[in-house]
Amino acid sequence: MKPAAGLSDPVRLALGLGAAVVAIVAISAGLFALGGADPFVAFRAMYRGSFGSWVSFGETLIRFAPVTLIALGLVPSLRIGLFNIGAPGQIGLGALFATLAGFALGGEPPSVSIPVTFVAAAAGGALWALGPGLLRAWFRVNEILSTLVFNFLALYLLQYLLTGPLHGYRSNIAQSDPLPKEAWLPVVIEGTRAHAGLFVVLAAVAALWLVQRSPLGYRLRLFGAGPNLARQAGVSGPLLIVWTMCVGGAAAGIAGWMQVAGVDHRLYDTVADPIGYMGLFAALLGVLHPVGIFFSGLVFAALLRGGESLQIGANVSPEIISALVGLILLLLAARSGRFTRASREA
């Protein structure tokens, strides 16, 4: 159903998000019922796990920050019809670069360590997205396939390093030594693990809002509407493709920095779990709008955190959340067909 004529963009956005949340609740209730659980008990357990206390809310926020940041970074590439699904690999490389920078800096004060590890993570993520961007721009290699391949390469690289050169002292699993405490992100809500990376998300929301109203935002929309028309207007398609891919990679790399500097304080080969692909879902659910993505990121963060509470609170396997996310993805894929037109024509 198309939005009613005459409605303002904020109203349309609110109605779209509201409808999406209602659909998610309905699908969730159906899955819980099929699994033999009382949907009301399951929803109560998820709510308590996500928002029932300051600690629970803090755990939701540390999932909200990377998911939302990844989603915001994917908007430029989605605007021109590219589906960058390489966030897991880009998270891994960003986390790796941040870890290496943190170790190299040693005991430098936080005023040095935190900014340097931030920049290193952004560079690592952008570098890992550069390859698929170049392949798409100049050799017409499908970005979905190339970013998937790069995800596996990043995982194997992390596994090699974390069981070899970067393996933690006296550790029995694939992990690094702890980062120096000077590189840790400060906690912003006392008694929780919610960290200062939340301010990066707020800055990214504002930046995307400004970009969408700038000449660059106009070029993105023009290329997304018709690459041939954009070329006639002087827009360089290959450069735009590479730039948007690298922006998404940098955002995912910073999300990896949040994980190692704000949550785990060391590098694991599973650093991208379970947030890796959630950013794409949040971007699509938020209809590529900064405010919409902010709230859709919160929805997915609550699903991730609340799903972890189902086993104890409702005797439901938390894996049911994976099935729920899969169904949501099918709905989003069906709705997002219009974003693929530019990709086919390019």
C-alpha atoms as a PDB file:
ATOM      1  CA  MET A   1       0.000   0.000   0.000  1.00  0.00           C
ATOM      2  CA  LYS A   2       1.331   3.423  -0.938  1.00  0.00           C
ATOM      3  CA  PRO A   3       1.372   6.221   1.599  1.00  0.00           C
ATOM      4  CA  ALA A   4      -1.623   8.485   1.415  1.00  0.00           C
ATOM      5  CA  ALA A   5      -1.128  11.582  -0.690  1.00  0.00           C
ATOM      6  CA  GLY A   6      -0.581  14.814   1.156  1.00  0.00           C
ATOM      7  CA  LEU A   7       1.231  13.299   4.118  1.00  0.00           C
ATOM      8  CA  SER A   8       4.525  14.889   5.114  1.00  0.00           C
ATOM      9  CA  ASP A   9       7.743  12.874   5.001  1.00  0.00           C
ATOM     10  CA  PRO A  10       8.004  12.590   8.816  1.00  0.00           C
ATOM     11  CA  VAL A  11       4.445  11.277   9.019  1.00  0.00           C
ATOM     12  CA  ARG A  12       5.084   8.783   6.249  1.00  0.00           C
ATOM     13  CA  LEU A  13       8.266   7.668   7.977  1.00  0.00           C
ATOM     14  CA  ALA A  14       6.463   7.242  11.305  1.00  0.00           C
ATOM     15  CA  LEU A  15       3.638   5.299   9.676  1.00  0.00           C
ATOM     16  CA  GLY A  16       6.105   3.075   7.811  1.00  0.00           C
ATOM     17  CA  LEU A  17       8.117   2.310  10.935  1.00  0.00           C
ATOM     18  CA  GLY A  18       4.956   1.736  12.944  1.00  0.00           C
ATOM     19  CA  ALA A  19       3.659  -0.711  10.364  1.00  0.00           C
ATOM     20  CA  ALA A  20       7.022  -2.503  10.327  1.00  0.00           C
ATOM     21  CA  VAL A  21       7.043  -2.848  14.119  1.00  0.00           C
ATOM     22  CA  VAL A  22       3.477  -4.207  14.081  1.00  0.00           C
ATOM     23  CA  ALA A  23       4.517  -6.736  11.422  1.00  0.00           C
ATOM     24  CA  ILE A  24       7.546  -7.783  13.485  1.00  0.00           C
ATOM     25  CA  VAL A  25       5.386  -8.252  16.574  1.00  0.00           C
ATOM     26  CA  ALA A  26       2.845 -10.296  14.614  1.00  0.00           C
ATOM     27  CA  ILE A  27       5.531 -12.508  13.039  1.00  0.00           C
ATOM     28  CA  SER A  28       7.207 -12.951  16.421  1.00  0.00           C
ATOM     29  CA  ALA A  29       3.946 -13.974  18.054  1.00  0.00           C
ATOM     30  CA  GLY A  30       3.356 -16.537  15.308  1.00  0.00           C
ATOM     31  CA  LEU A  31       6.830 -18.003  15.730  1.00  0.00           C
ATOM     32  CA  PHE A  32       6.490 -18.186  19.507  1.00  0.00           C
ATOM     33  CA  ALA A  33       3.119 -19.923  19.163  1.00  0.00           C
ATOM     34  CA  LEU A  34       4.529 -22.405  16.643  1.00  0.00           C
ATOM     35  CA  GLY A  35       7.336 -23.118  19.092  1.00  0.00           C
ATOM     36  CA  GLY A  36       4.826 -23.957  21.824  1.00  0.00           C
ATOM     37  CA  ALA A  37       5.482 -20.826  23.893  1.00  0.00           C
ATOM     38  CA  ASP A  38       3.057 -18.258  25.219  1.00  0.00           C
ATOM     39  CA  PRO A  39       3.692 -15.127  23.096  1.00  0.00           C
ATOM     40  CA  PHE A  40       2.859 -12.800  25.997  1.00  0.00           C
ATOM     41  CA  VAL A  41       5.356 -14.524  28.290  1.00  0.00           C
ATOM     42  CA  ALA A  42       7.993 -14.418  25.537  1.00  0.00           C
ATOM     43  CA  PHE A  43       7.427 -10.721  24.835  1.00  0.00           C
ATOM     44  CA  ARG A  44       7.619  -9.936  28.540  1.00  0.00           C
ATOM     45  CA  ALA A  45      10.928 -11.805  28.798  1.00  0.00           C
ATOM     46  CA  MET A  46      12.286  -9.926  25.776  1.00  0.00           C
ATOM     47  CA  TYR A  47      11.176  -6.578  27.176  1.00  0.00           C
ATOM     48  CA  ARG A  48      12.778  -7.259  30.536  1.00  0.00           C
ATOM     49  CA  GLY A  49      15.950  -8.408  28.843  1.00  0.00           C
ATOM     50  CA  SER A  50      16.102  -5.287  26.657  1.00  0.00           C
ATOM     51  CA  PHE A  51      14.653  -2.458  28.760  1.00  0.00           C
ATOM     52  CA  GLY A  52      13.736  -3.924  32.151  1.00  0.00           C
ATOM     53  CA  SER A  53      16.633  -2.303  34.029  1.00  0.00           C
ATOM     54  CA  TRP A  54      19.494   0.103  33.471  1.00  0.00           C
ATOM     55  CA  VAL A  55      21.845  -2.834  33.022  1.00  0.00           C
ATOM     56  CA  SER A  56      19.550  -4.409  30.420  1.00  0.00           C
ATOM     57  CA  PHE A  57      19.150  -1.075  28.663  1.00  0.00           C
ATOM     58  CA  GLY A  58      22.921  -0.636  28.608  1.00  0.00           C
ATOM     59  CA  GLU A  59      23.313  -4.055  26.992  1.00  0.00           C
ATOM     60  CA  THR A  60      20.776  -3.040  24.354  1.00  0.00           C
ATOM     61  CA  LEU A  61      22.689   0.185  23.710  1.00  0.00           C
ATOM     62  CA  ILE A  62      26.009  -1.600  23.112  1.00  0.00           C
ATOM     63  CA  ARG A  63      24.248  -3.547  20.338  1.00  0.00           C
ATOM     64  CA  PHE A  64      22.386  -0.497  19.081  1.00  0.00           C
ATOM     65  CA  ALA A  65      25.557   1.551  18.508  1.00  0.00           C
ATOM     66  CA  PRO A  66      27.374  -0.715  16.002  1.00  0.00           C
ATOM     67  CA  VAL A  67      24.204  -1.861  14.215  1.00  0.00           C
ATOM     68  CA  THR A  68      23.004   1.702  13.697  1.00  0.00           C
ATOM     69  CA  LEU A  69      26.408   2.998  12.654  1.00  0.00           C
ATOM     70  CA  ILE A  70      26.777   0.254  10.039  1.00  0.00           C
ATOM     71  CA  ALA A  71      23.284   1.029   8.736  1.00  0.00           C
ATOM     72  CA  LEU A  72      24.041   4.745   8.433  1.00  0.00           C
ATOM     73  CA  GLY A  73      27.261   3.991   6.549  1.00  0.00           C
ATOM     74  CA  LEU A  74      25.426   1.779   4.062  1.00  0.00           C
ATOM     75  CA  VAL A  75      22.946   4.459   3.008  1.00  0.00           C
ATOM     76  CA  PRO A  76      25.130   6.089   0.297  1.00  0.00           C
ATOM     77  CA  SER A  77      25.789   2.759  -1.459  1.00  0.00           C
ATOM     78  CA  LEU A  78      22.146   1.713  -1.163  1.00  0.00           C
ATOM     79  CA  ARG A  79      21.138   5.066  -2.656  1.00  0.00           C
ATOM     80  CA  ILE A  80      22.944   4.157  -5.864  1.00  0.00           C
ATOM     81  CA  GLY A  81      21.714   0.569  -5.923  1.00  0.00           C
ATOM     82  CA  LEU A  82      24.691  -1.261  -4.400  1.00  0.00           C
ATOM     83  CA  PHE A  83      24.249  -3.925  -1.726  1.00  0.00           C
ATOM     84  CA  ASN A  84      27.406  -4.002   0.357  1.00  0.00           C
ATOM     85  CA  ILE A  85      27.006  -7.090   2.551  1.00  0.00           C
ATOM     86  CA  GLY A  86      30.654  -7.108   3.567  1.00  0.00           C
ATOM     87  CA  ALA A  87      30.109  -5.592   7.019  1.00  0.00           C
ATOM     88  CA  PRO A  88      31.288  -8.723   8.903  1.00  0.00           C
ATOM     89  CA  GLY A  89      34.660  -8.646   7.170  1.00  0.00           C
ATOM     90  CA  GLN A  90      34.947  -4.882   7.447  1.00  0.00           C
ATOM     91  CA  ILE A  91      34.123  -5.059  11.160  1.00  0.00           C
ATOM     92  CA  GLY A  92      36.862  -7.648  11.554  1.00  0.00           C
ATOM     93  CA  LEU A  93      39.490  -5.577   9.745  1.00  0.00           C
ATOM     94  CA  GLY A  94      38.495  -2.416  11.598  1.00  0.00           C
ATOM     95  CA  ALA A  95      38.757  -4.251  14.902  1.00  0.00           C
ATOM     96  CA  LEU A  96      42.120  -5.706  13.850  1.00  0.00           C
ATOM     97  CA  PHE A  97      43.554  -2.329  12.864  1.00  0.00           C
ATOM     98  CA  ALA A  98      42.257  -0.763  16.100  1.00  0.00           C
ATOM     99  CA  THR A  99      43.836  -3.566  18.126  1.00  0.00           C
ATOM    100  CA  LEU A 100      47.195  -3.233  16.381  1.00  0.00           C
ATOM    101  CA  ALA A 101      47.138   0.535  16.859  1.00  0.00           C
ATOM    102  CA  GLY A 102      46.266   0.123  20.541  1.00  0.00           C
ATOM    103  CA  PHE A 103      49.161  -2.264  21.094  1.00  0.00           C
ATOM    104  CA  ALA A 104      51.543  -0.002  19.157  1.00  0.00           C
ATOM    105  CA  LEU A 105      50.595   3.023  21.252  1.00  0.00           C
ATOM    106  CA  GLY A 106      51.162   1.157  24.494  1.00  0.00           C
ATOM    107  CA  GLY A 107      50.486   3.413  27.432  1.00  0.00           C
ATOM    108  CA  GLU A 108      49.703   6.623  25.545  1.00  0.00           C
ATOM    109  CA  PRO A 109      46.946   8.633  27.262  1.00  0.00           C
ATOM    110  CA  PRO A 110      43.300   8.210  26.185  1.00  0.00           C
ATOM    111  CA  SER A 111      43.389  11.584  24.425  1.00  0.00           C
ATOM    112  CA  VAL A 112      45.832   9.966  21.981  1.00  0.00           C
ATOM    113  CA  SER A 113      44.926   6.275  22.076  1.00  0.00           C
ATOM    114  CA  ILE A 114      41.194   6.619  21.508  1.00  0.00           C
ATOM    115  CA  PRO A 115      41.336   8.937  18.445  1.00  0.00           C
ATOM    116  CA  VAL A 116      44.186   6.978  16.854  1.00  0.00           C
ATOM    117  CA  THR A 117      42.464   3.605  17.262  1.00  0.00           C
ATOM    118  CA  PHE A 118      39.258   5.176  15.903  1.00  0.00           C
ATOM    119  CA  VAL A 119      41.031   6.382  12.750  1.00  0.00           C
ATOM    120  CA  ALA A 120      42.860   3.071  12.368  1.00  0.00           C
ATOM    121  CA  ALA A 121      39.583   1.155  12.542  1.00  0.00           C
ATOM    122  CA  ALA A 122      37.943   3.395   9.938  1.00  0.00           C
ATOM    123  CA  ALA A 123      40.949   2.935   7.661  1.00  0.00           C
ATOM    124  CA  GLY A 124      40.882  -0.847   8.096  1.00  0.00           C
ATOM    125  CA  GLY A 125      37.199  -1.116   7.248  1.00  0.00           C
ATOM    126  CA  ALA A 126      37.499   1.218   4.270  1.00  0.00           C
ATOM    127  CA  LEU A 127      40.508  -0.699   2.976  1.00  0.00           C
ATOM    128  CA  TRP A 128      38.576  -3.985   3.110  1.00  0.00           C
ATOM    129  CA  ALA A 129      35.699  -2.376   1.177  1.00  0.00           C
ATOM    130  CA  LEU A 130      38.028  -0.828  -1.403  1.00  0.00           C
ATOM    131  CA  GLY A 131      38.660  -4.130  -3.181  1.00  0.00           C
ATOM    132  CA  PRO A 132      34.984  -4.938  -3.863  1.00  0.00           C
ATOM    133  CA  GLY A 133      34.424  -1.284  -4.781  1.00  0.00           C
ATOM    134  CA  LEU A 134      37.169  -1.334  -7.400  1.00  0.00           C
ATOM    135  CA  LEU A 135      35.959  -4.693  -8.729  1.00  0.00           C
ATOM    136  CA  ARG A 136      32.425  -3.325  -9.093  1.00  0.00           C
ATOM    137  CA  ALA A 137      33.423   0.041 -10.546  1.00  0.00           C
ATOM    138  CA  TRP A 138      35.929  -1.059 -13.178  1.00  0.00           C
ATOM    139  CA  PHE A 139      35.336  -4.768 -13.741  1.00  0.00           C
ATOM    140  CA  ARG A 140      31.566  -4.968 -13.112  1.00  0.00           C
ATOM    141  CA  VAL A 141      31.979  -7.747 -10.541  1.00  0.00           C
ATOM    142  CA  ASN A 142      28.804  -8.113  -8.503  1.00  0.00           C
ATOM    143  CA  GLU A 143      29.390  -6.467  -5.123  1.00  0.00           C
ATOM    144  CA  ILE A 144      27.268  -9.036  -3.277  1.00  0.00           C
ATOM    145  CA  LEU A 145      29.531 -11.872  -4.369  1.00  0.00           C
ATOM    146  CA  SER A 146      32.787  -9.992  -3.842  1.00  0.00           C
ATOM    147  CA  THR A 147      31.885  -8.719  -0.371  1.00  0.00           C
ATOM    148  CA  LEU A 148      30.827 -12.229   0.646  1.00  0.00           C
ATOM    149  CA  VAL A 149      34.208 -13.574  -0.451  1.00  0.00           C
ATOM    150  CA  PHE A 150      35.977 -10.805   1.463  1.00  0.00           C
ATOM    151  CA  ASN A 151      33.977 -11.737   4.579  1.00  0.00           C
ATOM    152  CA  PHE A 152      35.432 -15.240   4.501  1.00  0.00           C
ATOM    153  CA  LEU A 153      38.922 -13.914   3.812  1.00  0.00           C
ATOM    154  CA  ALA A 154      38.674 -11.612   6.826  1.00  0.00           C
ATOM    155  CA  LEU A 155      37.497 -14.458   9.058  1.00  0.00           C
ATOM    156  CA  TYR A 156      40.356 -16.714   7.973  1.00  0.00           C
ATOM    157  CA  LEU A 157      42.845 -13.890   8.459  1.00  0.00           C
ATOM    158  CA  LEU A 158      41.605 -13.252  11.996  1.00  0.00           C
ATOM    159  CA  GLN A 159      41.662 -16.950  12.832  1.00  0.00           C
ATOM    160  CA  TYR A 160      45.244 -17.223  11.604  1.00  0.00           C
ATOM    161  CA  LEU A 161      46.429 -14.168  13.518  1.00  0.00           C
ATOM    162  CA  LEU A 162      44.582 -14.991  16.733  1.00  0.00           C
ATOM    163  CA  THR A 163      45.917 -18.531  16.830  1.00  0.00           C
ATOM    164  CA  GLY A 164      49.392 -17.374  15.821  1.00  0.00           C
ATOM    165  CA  PRO A 165      51.104 -13.959  15.986  1.00  0.00           C
ATOM    166  CA  LEU A 166      48.348 -12.224  17.972  1.00  0.00           C
ATOM    167  CA  HIS A 167      47.361 -15.159  20.173  1.00  0.00           C
ATOM    168  CA  GLY A 168      46.814 -14.051  23.744  1.00  0.00           C
ATOM    169  CA  TYR A 169      49.226 -15.115  26.441  1.00  0.00           C
ATOM    170  CA  ARG A 170      48.067 -18.307  28.184  1.00  0.00           C
ATOM    171  CA  SER A 171      44.776 -18.289  26.267  1.00  0.00           C
ATOM    172  CA  ASN A 172      43.087 -21.479  25.081  1.00  0.00           C
ATOM    173  CA  ILE A 173      40.836 -19.789  22.530  1.00  0.00           C
ATOM    174  CA  ALA A 174      41.360 -17.544  19.528  1.00  0.00           C
ATOM    175  CA  GLN A 175      41.759 -14.141  21.124  1.00  0.00           C
ATOM    176  CA  SER A 176      44.330 -11.408  21.585  1.00  0.00           C
ATOM    177  CA  ASP A 177      45.768  -9.973  24.763  1.00  0.00           C
ATOM    178  CA  PRO A 178      43.678  -7.183  26.340  1.00  0.00           C
ATOM    179  CA  LEU A 179      44.016  -3.713  24.865  1.00  0.00           C
ATOM    180  CA  PRO A 180      45.816  -1.179  27.043  1.00  0.00           C
ATOM    181  CA  LYS A 181      43.241   0.451  29.316  1.00  0.00           C
ATOM    182  CA  GLU A 182      44.132   3.837  27.848  1.00  0.00           C
ATOM    183  CA  ALA A 183      42.481   2.700  24.602  1.00  0.00           C
ATOM    184  CA  TRP A 184      39.227   1.616  26.264  1.00  0.00           C
ATOM    185  CA  LEU A 185      36.125   3.688  25.577  1.00  0.00           C
ATOM    186  CA  PRO A 186      34.758   5.375  28.705  1.00  0.00           C
ATOM    187  CA  VAL A 187      31.399   4.247  30.085  1.00  0.00           C
ATOM    188  CA  VAL A 188      28.676   6.893  29.752  1.00  0.00           C
ATOM    189  CA  ILE A 189      25.949   5.268  31.882  1.00  0.00           C
ATOM    190  CA  GLU A 190      27.199   4.284  35.312  1.00  0.00           C
ATOM    191  CA  GLY A 191      26.628   0.642  36.193  1.00  0.00           C
ATOM    192  CA  THR A 192      26.321  -0.474  32.555  1.00  0.00           C
ATOM    193  CA  ARG A 193      28.649  -1.180  29.659  1.00  0.00           C
ATOM    194  CA  ALA A 194      27.151   1.602  27.493  1.00  0.00           C
ATOM    195  CA  HIS A 195      30.168   3.469  26.131  1.00  0.00           C
ATOM    196  CA  ALA A 196      31.097   6.734  24.459  1.00  0.00           C
ATOM    197  CA  GLY A 197      30.680   5.186  21.007  1.00  0.00           C
ATOM    198  CA  LEU A 198      27.040   6.253  21.305  1.00  0.00           C
ATOM    199  CA  PHE A 199      28.163   9.826  20.630  1.00  0.00           C
ATOM    200  CA  VAL A 200      29.727   8.647  17.352  1.00  0.00           C
ATOM    201  CA  VAL A 201      26.313   7.294  16.327  1.00  0.00           C
ATOM    202  CA  LEU A 202      24.627  10.617  17.086  1.00  0.00           C
ATOM    203  CA  ALA A 203      27.275  12.428  15.047  1.00  0.00           C
ATOM    204  CA  ALA A 204      26.755   9.985  12.166  1.00  0.00           C
ATOM    205  CA  VAL A 205      22.998  10.583  12.205  1.00  0.00           C
ATOM    206  CA  ALA A 206      23.591  14.338  11.942  1.00  0.00           C
ATOM    207  CA  ALA A 207      26.241  13.868   9.213  1.00  0.00           C
ATOM    208  CA  LEU A 208      23.952  11.699   7.085  1.00  0.00           C
ATOM    209  CA  TRP A 209      21.121  14.195   7.490  1.00  0.00           C
ATOM    210  CA  LEU A 210      23.413  16.967   6.205  1.00  0.00           C
ATOM    211  CA  VAL A 211      24.800  14.863   3.338  1.00  0.00           C
ATOM    212  CA  GLN A 212      21.340  13.998   2.080  1.00  0.00           C
ATOM    213  CA  ARG A 213      20.596  17.717   1.791  1.00  0.00           C
ATOM    214  CA  SER A 214      23.903  18.592   0.145  1.00  0.00           C
ATOM    215  CA  PRO A 215      25.042  18.552  -3.512  1.00  0.00           C
ATOM    216  CA  LEU A 216      26.609  15.164  -2.807  1.00  0.00           C
ATOM    217  CA  GLY A 217      23.245  13.815  -1.705  1.00  0.00           C
ATOM    218  CA  TYR A 218      21.743  15.125  -4.931  1.00  0.00           C
ATOM    219  CA  ARG A 219      24.418  13.302  -6.964  1.00  0.00           C
ATOM    220  CA  LEU A 220      23.676  10.076  -5.111  1.00  0.00           C
ATOM    221  CA  ARG A 221      19.955  10.373  -5.828  1.00  0.00           C
ATOM    222  CA  LEU A 222      20.638  11.294  -9.440  1.00  0.00           C
ATOM    223  CA  PHE A 223      22.897   8.281  -9.992  1.00  0.00           C
ATOM    224  CA  GLY A 224      20.406   6.029  -8.232  1.00  0.00           C
ATOM    225  CA  ALA A 225      17.589   7.257 -10.465  1.00  0.00           C
ATOM    226  CA  GLY A 226      19.554   6.798 -13.682  1.00  0.00           C
ATOM    227  CA  PRO A 227      23.298   6.184 -14.068  1.00  0.00           C
ATOM    228  CA  ASN A 228      23.276   7.285 -17.712  1.00  0.00           C
ATOM    229  CA  LEU A 229      21.591  10.564 -16.830  1.00  0.00           C
ATOM    230  CA  ALA A 230      24.065  11.082 -13.993  1.00  0.00           C
ATOM    231  CA  ARG A 231      27.016  10.561 -16.344  1.00  0.00           C
ATOM    232  CA  GLN A 232      25.606  13.174 -18.723  1.00  0.00           C
ATOM    233  CA  ALA A 233      25.422  15.549 -15.750  1.00  0.00           C
ATOM    234  CA  GLY A 234      29.125  14.983 -15.057  1.00  0.00           C
ATOM    235  CA  VAL A 235      28.835  12.507 -12.176  1.00  0.00           C
ATOM    236  CA  SER A 236      31.678   9.959 -12.223  1.00  0.00           C
ATOM    237  CA  GLY A 237      30.037   6.579 -11.695  1.00  0.00           C
ATOM    238  CA  PRO A 238      33.191   4.572 -10.830  1.00  0.00           C
ATOM    239  CA  LEU A 239      34.416   7.123  -8.298  1.00  0.00           C
ATOM    240  CA  LEU A 240      30.970   7.321  -6.706  1.00  0.00           C
ATOM    241  CA  ILE A 241      30.801   3.527  -6.441  1.00  0.00           C
ATOM    242  CA  VAL A 242      34.232   3.265  -4.809  1.00  0.00           C
ATOM    243  CA  TRP A 243      33.521   6.181  -2.454  1.00  0.00           C
ATOM    244  CA  THR A 244      30.186   4.820  -1.243  1.00  0.00           C
ATOM    245  CA  MET A 245      31.639   1.356  -0.706  1.00  0.00           C
ATOM    246  CA  CYS A 246      34.526   2.791   1.315  1.00  0.00           C
ATOM    247  CA  VAL A 247      32.143   4.898   3.428  1.00  0.00           C
ATOM    248  CA  GLY A 248      30.209   1.761   4.324  1.00  0.00           C
ATOM    249  CA  GLY A 249      33.451  -0.048   5.069  1.00  0.00           C
ATOM    250  CA  ALA A 250      34.730   2.762   7.291  1.00  0.00           C
ATOM    251  CA  ALA A 251      31.478   2.766   9.281  1.00  0.00           C
ATOM    252  CA  ALA A 252      31.686  -1.001   9.764  1.00  0.00           C
ATOM    253  CA  GLY A 253      35.337  -0.673  10.774  1.00  0.00           C
ATOM    254  CA  ILE A 254      34.389   1.870  13.436  1.00  0.00           C
ATOM    255  CA  ALA A 255      31.730  -0.578  14.633  1.00  0.00           C
ATOM    256  CA  GLY A 256      34.548  -3.096  15.075  1.00  0.00           C
ATOM    257  CA  TRP A 257      36.466  -0.489  17.074  1.00  0.00           C
ATOM    258  CA  MET A 258      33.435  -0.135  19.359  1.00  0.00           C
ATOM    259  CA  GLN A 259      33.465  -3.875  19.980  1.00  0.00           C
ATOM    260  CA  VAL A 260      37.146  -4.155  20.914  1.00  0.00           C
ATOM    261  CA  ALA A 261      37.573  -0.778  22.634  1.00  0.00           C
ATOM    262  CA  GLY A 262      34.153  -0.487  24.258  1.00  0.00           C
ATOM    263  CA  VAL A 263      32.831  -3.999  24.905  1.00  0.00           C
ATOM    264  CA  ASP A 264      35.306  -6.897  24.750  1.00  0.00           C
ATOM    265  CA  HIS A 265      38.563  -4.936  25.286  1.00  0.00           C
ATOM    266  CA  ARG A 266      40.348  -7.594  23.243  1.00  0.00           C
ATOM    267  CA  LEU A 267      40.031  -9.020  19.734  1.00  0.00           C
ATOM    268  CA  TYR A 268      38.131 -12.233  18.985  1.00  0.00           C
ATOM    269  CA  ASP A 269      37.647 -13.899  15.615  1.00  0.00           C
ATOM    270  CA  THR A 270      33.898 -13.681  16.311  1.00  0.00           C
ATOM    271  CA  VAL A 271      34.016  -9.895  16.717  1.00  0.00           C
ATOM    272  CA  ALA A 272      31.327  -9.417  14.037  1.00  0.00           C
ATOM    273  CA  ASP A 273      28.802 -11.752  15.699  1.00  0.00           C
ATOM    274  CA  PRO A 274      25.867 -11.186  15.828  1.00  0.00           C
ATOM    275  CA  ILE A 275      25.845  -7.632  14.452  1.00  0.00           C
ATOM    276  CA  GLY A 276      27.458  -8.295  11.067  1.00  0.00           C
ATOM    277  CA  TYR A 277      24.427  -8.307   8.782  1.00  0.00           C
ATOM    278  CA  MET A 278      22.014  -6.424  11.031  1.00  0.00           C
ATOM    279  CA  GLY A 279      23.130  -3.049   9.734  1.00  0.00           C
ATOM    280  CA  LEU A 280      21.772  -3.784   6.258  1.00  0.00           C
ATOM    281  CA  PHE A 281      18.445  -4.860   7.741  1.00  0.00           C
ATOM    282  CA  ALA A 282      18.268  -1.716   9.880  1.00  0.00           C
ATOM    283  CA  ALA A 283      19.040   0.513   6.885  1.00  0.00           C
ATOM    284  CA  LEU A 284      16.261  -1.043   4.829  1.00  0.00           C
ATOM    285  CA  LEU A 285      13.756  -1.033   7.687  1.00  0.00           C
ATOM    286  CA  GLY A 286      14.575   2.636   8.301  1.00  0.00           C
ATOM    287  CA  VAL A 287      13.961   3.408   4.586  1.00  0.00           C
ATOM    288  CA  LEU A 288      17.442   4.995   4.315  1.00  0.00           C
ATOM    289  CA  HIS A 289      16.376   7.910   6.489  1.00  0.00           C
ATOM    290  CA  PRO A 290      18.671   8.943   9.383  1.00  0.00           C
ATOM    291  CA  VAL A 291      15.844   9.121  11.927  1.00  0.00           C
ATOM    292  CA  GLY A 292      14.252   5.944  10.614  1.00  0.00           C
ATOM    293  CA  ILE A 293      17.577   4.111  10.885  1.00  0.00           C
ATOM    294  CA  PHE A 294      18.048   5.390  14.441  1.00  0.00           C
ATOM    295  CA  PHE A 295      14.801   3.757  15.551  1.00  0.00           C
ATOM    296  CA  SER A 296      15.155   0.644  13.412  1.00  0.00           C
ATOM    297  CA  GLY A 297      18.624   0.137  14.892  1.00  0.00           C
ATOM    298  CA  LEU A 298      17.052   0.256  18.335  1.00  0.00           C
ATOM    299  CA  VAL A 299      14.465  -2.324  17.242  1.00  0.00           C
ATOM    300  CA  PHE A 300      17.108  -4.778  16.033  1.00  0.00           C
ATOM    301  CA  ALA A 301      19.282  -4.163  19.098  1.00  0.00           C
ATOM    302  CA  ALA A 302      16.294  -4.957  21.315  1.00  0.00           C
ATOM    303  CA  LEU A 303      15.653  -8.134  19.316  1.00  0.00           C
ATOM    304  CA  LEU A 304      19.264  -9.238  19.761  1.00  0.00           C
ATOM    305  CA  ARG A 305      19.366  -8.472  23.467  1.00  0.00           C
ATOM    306  CA  GLY A 306      15.833  -9.665  24.183  1.00  0.00           C
ATOM    307  CA  GLY A 307      16.430 -12.905  22.318  1.00  0.00           C
ATOM    308  CA  GLU A 308      19.197 -13.750  24.768  1.00  0.00           C
ATOM    309  CA  SER A 309      16.625 -13.615  27.596  1.00  0.00           C
ATOM    310  CA  LEU A 310      14.138 -16.025  26.049  1.00  0.00           C
ATOM    311  CA  GLN A 311      15.802 -19.203  27.302  1.00  0.00           C
ATOM    312  CA  ILE A 312      15.473 -18.244  30.969  1.00  0.00           C
ATOM    313  CA  GLY A 313      12.423 -15.994  30.865  1.00  0.00           C
ATOM    314  CA  ALA A 314      10.166 -18.023  28.555  1.00  0.00           C
ATOM    315  CA  ASN A 315      11.879 -21.391  28.041  1.00  0.00           C
ATOM    316  CA  VAL A 316      12.283 -20.558  24.334  1.00  0.00           C
ATOM    317  CA  SER A 317      15.458 -21.186  22.380  1.00  0.00           C
ATOM    318  CA  PRO A 318      17.124 -17.866  21.495  1.00  0.00           C
ATOM    319  CA  GLU A 319      17.777 -19.271  17.999  1.00  0.00           C
ATOM    320  CA  ILE A 320      14.170 -18.373  17.219  1.00  0.00           C
ATOM    321  CA  ILE A 321      15.401 -14.784  16.814  1.00  0.00           C
ATOM    322  CA  SER A 322      17.504 -15.929  13.848  1.00  0.00           C
ATOM    323  CA  ALA A 323      14.368 -17.313  12.206  1.00  0.00           C
ATOM    324  CA  LEU A 324      12.551 -14.062  12.965  1.00  0.00           C
ATOM    325  CA  VAL A 325      15.332 -11.962  11.453  1.00  0.00           C
ATOM    326  CA  GLY A 326      15.285 -14.200   8.379  1.00  0.00           C
ATOM    327  CA  LEU A 327      11.580 -13.584   7.863  1.00  0.00           C
ATOM    328  CA  ILE A 328      12.092  -9.854   8.349  1.00  0.00           C
ATOM    329  CA  LEU A 329      14.832  -9.978   5.734  1.00  0.00           C
ATOM    330  CA  LEU A 330      12.450 -11.579   3.240  1.00  0.00           C
ATOM    331  CA  LEU A 331       9.957  -8.764   3.796  1.00  0.00           C
ATOM    332  CA  LEU A 332      12.649  -6.123   3.450  1.00  0.00           C
ATOM    333  CA  ALA A 333      14.028  -7.746   0.289  1.00  0.00           C
ATOM    334  CA  ALA A 334      10.575  -7.751  -1.256  1.00  0.00           C
ATOM    335  CA  ARG A 335      10.106  -4.085  -0.387  1.00  0.00           C
ATOM    336  CA  SER A 336      13.555  -2.961  -1.508  1.00  0.00           C
ATOM    337  CA  GLY A 337      13.324  -4.047  -5.142  1.00  0.00           C
ATOM    338  CA  ARG A 338      13.385  -0.454  -6.273  1.00  0.00           C
ATOM    339  CA  PHE A 339      16.945  -0.038  -4.963  1.00  0.00           C
ATOM    340  CA  THR A 340      18.269  -2.642  -7.390  1.00  0.00           C
ATOM    341  CA  ARG A 341      17.294  -0.820 -10.576  1.00  0.00           C
ATOM    342  CA  ALA A 342      20.378   1.373 -10.643  1.00  0.00           C
ATOM    343  CA  SER A 343      22.599  -1.626  -9.932  1.00  0.00           C
ATOM    344  CA  ARG A 344      21.223  -3.494 -12.951  1.00  0.00           C
ATOM    345  CA  GLU A 345      21.602  -0.497 -15.261  1.00  0.00           C
ATOM    346  CA  ALA A 346      25.119   0.450 -14.132  1.00  0.00           C
END
